[in-house]
Amino acid sequence: MSNKVNKNVLRAGTITAGTALMLLMSSPAFALTRDDGDDPGPGLSVIETLGLYVALPIVLFLVIAGLVMVGDKSHKQAEPKG
């Protein structure tokens, strides 16, 4: 093998090992231990979760898109044709 291929293999192995180490360190297994002062509230129901993370962003997107469209139409109507 050439020297360039050896460097590439070493670089790829280092990146793979580093990525695997970071994934292992950030695994959810570390979240099982409670910290002092932890006071988790009650969990969300399925309906509350869908409303908060699905419906609310869609509604916000539609409101913002509607406001942009209204602003754009009023700007076009105010321009004189010439």
N, C-alpha and C. Protein backbone atom coordinates (compact mmCIF):
# COMPACT_ATOMS: atom_id res chain seq x y z
N MET A 1 0.84 -1.20 0.00
CA MET A 1 0.00 0.00 0.00
C MET A 1 0.88 1.25 0.00
N SER A 2 0.39 2.25 -0.63
CA SER A 2 1.16 3.49 -0.68
C SER A 2 0.97 4.28 0.60
N ASN A 3 1.80 5.26 0.78
CA ASN A 3 1.75 6.10 1.97
C ASN A 3 0.45 6.90 2.04
N LYS A 4 -0.04 7.34 0.86
CA LYS A 4 -1.26 8.13 0.81
C LYS A 4 -2.47 7.29 1.24
N VAL A 5 -2.52 6.04 0.80
CA VAL A 5 -3.62 5.15 1.17
C VAL A 5 -3.60 4.89 2.67
N ASN A 6 -2.40 4.68 3.24
CA ASN A 6 -2.29 4.46 4.68
C ASN A 6 -2.80 5.66 5.47
N LYS A 7 -2.50 6.87 5.01
CA LYS A 7 -2.98 8.08 5.69
C LYS A 7 -4.50 8.17 5.62
N ASN A 8 -5.05 7.84 4.45
CA ASN A 8 -6.51 7.90 4.31
C ASN A 8 -7.20 6.88 5.20
N VAL A 9 -6.63 5.68 5.28
CA VAL A 9 -7.20 4.63 6.14
C VAL A 9 -7.12 5.06 7.60
N LEU A 10 -5.99 5.61 8.01
CA LEU A 10 -5.84 6.08 9.38
C LEU A 10 -6.81 7.20 9.69
N ARG A 11 -6.99 8.12 8.76
CA ARG A 11 -7.93 9.24 8.96
C ARG A 11 -9.36 8.72 9.07
N ALA A 12 -9.75 7.80 8.20
CA ALA A 12 -11.11 7.25 8.25
C ALA A 12 -11.34 6.48 9.54
N GLY A 13 -10.36 5.71 9.98
CA GLY A 13 -10.49 4.98 11.24
C GLY A 13 -10.61 5.91 12.43
N THR A 14 -9.85 6.99 12.44
CA THR A 14 -9.91 7.96 13.53
C THR A 14 -11.28 8.62 13.59
N ILE A 15 -11.80 9.02 12.45
CA ILE A 15 -13.12 9.67 12.41
C ILE A 15 -14.20 8.69 12.84
N THR A 16 -14.11 7.45 12.38
CA THR A 16 -15.11 6.44 12.77
C THR A 16 -15.06 6.17 14.26
N ALA A 17 -13.87 6.03 14.81
CA ALA A 17 -13.74 5.78 16.25
C ALA A 17 -14.24 6.97 17.06
N GLY A 18 -13.91 8.17 16.62
CA GLY A 18 -14.37 9.37 17.33
C GLY A 18 -15.87 9.50 17.30
N THR A 19 -16.48 9.23 16.15
CA THR A 19 -17.93 9.30 16.03
C THR A 19 -18.61 8.26 16.91
N ALA A 20 -18.08 7.05 16.92
CA ALA A 20 -18.65 5.99 17.75
C ALA A 20 -18.54 6.35 19.23
N LEU A 21 -17.41 6.92 19.63
CA LEU A 21 -17.23 7.32 21.02
C LEU A 21 -18.22 8.40 21.41
N MET A 22 -18.41 9.38 20.55
CA MET A 22 -19.38 10.46 20.86
C MET A 22 -20.80 9.91 20.95
N LEU A 23 -21.16 8.98 20.08
CA LEU A 23 -22.49 8.39 20.13
C LEU A 23 -22.70 7.59 21.42
N LEU A 24 -21.68 6.87 21.84
CA LEU A 24 -21.79 6.10 23.08
C LEU A 24 -21.89 7.02 24.30
N MET A 25 -21.16 8.12 24.27
CA MET A 25 -21.17 9.04 25.41
C MET A 25 -22.49 9.78 25.53
N SER A 26 -23.18 9.99 24.42
CA SER A 26 -24.43 10.74 24.46
C SER A 26 -25.66 9.83 24.45
N SER A 27 -25.47 8.57 24.75
CA SER A 27 -26.60 7.64 24.73
C SER A 27 -27.58 7.95 25.85
N PRO A 28 -28.85 7.62 25.70
CA PRO A 28 -29.84 7.94 26.70
C PRO A 28 -29.68 7.16 28.00
N ALA A 29 -28.77 6.21 28.07
CA ALA A 29 -28.58 5.46 29.31
C ALA A 29 -28.13 6.37 30.44
N PHE A 30 -27.45 7.46 30.11
CA PHE A 30 -26.99 8.40 31.13
C PHE A 30 -28.15 9.25 31.66
N ALA A 31 -29.28 9.26 30.99
CA ALA A 31 -30.41 10.08 31.41
C ALA A 31 -31.24 9.40 32.49
N LEU A 32 -30.94 8.16 32.85
CA LEU A 32 -31.72 7.44 33.84
C LEU A 32 -31.43 7.92 35.26
N THR A 33 -30.27 8.51 35.49
CA THR A 33 -29.90 8.97 36.82
C THR A 33 -30.50 10.34 37.06
N ARG A 34 -31.23 10.47 38.15
CA ARG A 34 -31.84 11.76 38.49
C ARG A 34 -30.82 12.66 39.16
N ASP A 35 -30.85 13.93 38.82
CA ASP A 35 -29.99 14.91 39.46
C ASP A 35 -30.68 15.44 40.71
N ASP A 36 -29.89 16.02 41.61
CA ASP A 36 -30.47 16.66 42.79
C ASP A 36 -31.33 17.83 42.35
N GLY A 37 -32.51 17.94 42.91
CA GLY A 37 -33.42 19.02 42.56
C GLY A 37 -34.28 18.73 41.35
N ASP A 38 -34.15 17.56 40.77
CA ASP A 38 -34.99 17.18 39.64
C ASP A 38 -36.43 17.02 40.11
N ASP A 39 -37.34 17.65 39.45
CA ASP A 39 -38.75 17.53 39.79
C ASP A 39 -39.56 17.45 38.51
N PRO A 40 -39.53 16.30 37.82
CA PRO A 40 -40.24 16.19 36.55
C PRO A 40 -41.75 16.27 36.76
N GLY A 41 -42.41 16.94 35.86
CA GLY A 41 -43.85 17.06 35.93
C GLY A 41 -44.52 15.85 35.31
N PRO A 42 -45.84 15.89 35.25
CA PRO A 42 -46.57 14.77 34.63
C PRO A 42 -46.30 14.74 33.12
N GLY A 43 -46.36 13.55 32.55
CA GLY A 43 -46.11 13.41 31.12
C GLY A 43 -47.28 13.93 30.30
N LEU A 44 -47.03 14.09 29.01
CA LEU A 44 -48.07 14.55 28.09
C LEU A 44 -48.82 13.35 27.53
N SER A 45 -50.10 13.55 27.27
CA SER A 45 -50.86 12.49 26.62
C SER A 45 -50.52 12.50 25.13
N VAL A 46 -51.02 11.52 24.40
CA VAL A 46 -50.74 11.43 22.96
C VAL A 46 -51.34 12.63 22.24
N ILE A 47 -52.55 13.02 22.62
CA ILE A 47 -53.22 14.16 21.98
C ILE A 47 -52.44 15.45 22.25
N GLU A 48 -51.99 15.64 23.50
CA GLU A 48 -51.22 16.84 23.83
C GLU A 48 -49.90 16.87 23.06
N THR A 49 -49.27 15.73 22.95
CA THR A 49 -48.00 15.66 22.22
C THR A 49 -48.19 15.97 20.75
N LEU A 50 -49.20 15.38 20.12
CA LEU A 50 -49.47 15.67 18.70
C LEU A 50 -49.85 17.12 18.50
N GLY A 51 -50.64 17.66 19.41
CA GLY A 51 -51.02 19.07 19.29
C GLY A 51 -49.82 19.99 19.41
N LEU A 52 -48.94 19.70 20.35
CA LEU A 52 -47.79 20.56 20.60
C LEU A 52 -46.73 20.46 19.52
N TYR A 53 -46.45 19.25 19.05
CA TYR A 53 -45.33 19.06 18.13
C TYR A 53 -45.73 18.86 16.67
N VAL A 54 -47.04 18.74 16.38
CA VAL A 54 -47.48 18.58 15.00
C VAL A 54 -48.43 19.70 14.61
N ALA A 55 -49.53 19.82 15.33
CA ALA A 55 -50.57 20.79 14.95
C ALA A 55 -50.11 22.23 15.14
N LEU A 56 -49.49 22.53 16.27
CA LEU A 56 -49.07 23.91 16.53
C LEU A 56 -48.07 24.43 15.49
N PRO A 57 -47.03 23.69 15.12
CA PRO A 57 -46.14 24.19 14.06
C PRO A 57 -46.84 24.37 12.72
N ILE A 58 -47.77 23.49 12.38
CA ILE A 58 -48.50 23.64 11.12
C ILE A 58 -49.35 24.90 11.15
N VAL A 59 -50.04 25.13 12.27
CA VAL A 59 -50.87 26.33 12.40
C VAL A 59 -50.01 27.59 12.32
N LEU A 60 -48.88 27.59 13.02
CA LEU A 60 -47.99 28.75 12.98
C LEU A 60 -47.47 29.00 11.57
N PHE A 61 -47.12 27.92 10.86
CA PHE A 61 -46.67 28.07 9.48
C PHE A 61 -47.76 28.69 8.61
N LEU A 62 -49.00 28.20 8.76
CA LEU A 62 -50.10 28.73 7.95
C LEU A 62 -50.39 30.19 8.27
N VAL A 63 -50.31 30.56 9.55
CA VAL A 63 -50.54 31.96 9.93
C VAL A 63 -49.47 32.86 9.33
N ILE A 64 -48.21 32.45 9.44
CA ILE A 64 -47.13 33.27 8.89
C ILE A 64 -47.23 33.34 7.37
N ALA A 65 -47.51 32.22 6.72
CA ALA A 65 -47.66 32.23 5.25
C ALA A 65 -48.83 33.11 4.83
N GLY A 66 -49.93 33.05 5.59
CA GLY A 66 -51.08 33.91 5.28
C GLY A 66 -50.75 35.38 5.43
N LEU A 67 -50.03 35.73 6.48
CA LEU A 67 -49.65 37.14 6.67
C LEU A 67 -48.72 37.62 5.56
N VAL A 68 -47.82 36.77 5.12
CA VAL A 68 -46.93 37.14 4.02
C VAL A 68 -47.72 37.32 2.73
N MET A 69 -48.68 36.44 2.47
CA MET A 69 -49.48 36.55 1.26
C MET A 69 -50.34 37.81 1.28
N VAL A 70 -50.93 38.14 2.42
CA VAL A 70 -51.75 39.35 2.53
C VAL A 70 -50.88 40.58 2.32
N GLY A 71 -49.69 40.59 2.92
CA GLY A 71 -48.79 41.72 2.73
C GLY A 71 -48.33 41.85 1.30
N ASP A 72 -48.10 40.75 0.62
CA ASP A 72 -47.67 40.78 -0.76
C ASP A 72 -48.78 41.27 -1.68
N LYS A 73 -50.02 40.84 -1.47
CA LYS A 73 -51.14 41.26 -2.32
C LYS A 73 -51.44 42.74 -2.15
N SER A 74 -51.37 43.23 -0.91
CA SER A 74 -51.66 44.66 -0.71
C SER A 74 -50.57 45.51 -1.35
N HIS A 75 -49.34 45.02 -1.39
CA HIS A 75 -48.25 45.75 -2.02
C HIS A 75 -48.44 45.81 -3.53
N LYS A 76 -48.90 44.71 -4.14
CA LYS A 76 -49.10 44.68 -5.59
C LYS A 76 -50.27 45.57 -6.00
N GLN A 77 -51.32 45.65 -5.19
CA GLN A 77 -52.47 46.47 -5.55
C GLN A 77 -52.15 47.95 -5.44
N ALA A 78 -51.22 48.34 -4.57
CA ALA A 78 -50.92 49.74 -4.37
C ALA A 78 -50.04 50.30 -5.49
N GLU A 79 -49.36 49.44 -6.25
CA GLU A 79 -48.48 49.91 -7.32
C GLU A 79 -49.32 50.35 -8.53
N PRO A 80 -49.06 51.54 -9.05
CA PRO A 80 -49.78 51.96 -10.27
C PRO A 80 -49.21 51.25 -11.49
N LYS A 81 -50.10 50.88 -12.39
CA LYS A 81 -49.65 50.23 -13.62
C LYS A 81 -49.26 51.31 -14.63
N GLY A 82 -48.13 51.07 -15.28
CA GLY A 82 -47.73 52.12 -16.21
C GLY A 82 -46.82 51.71 -17.24
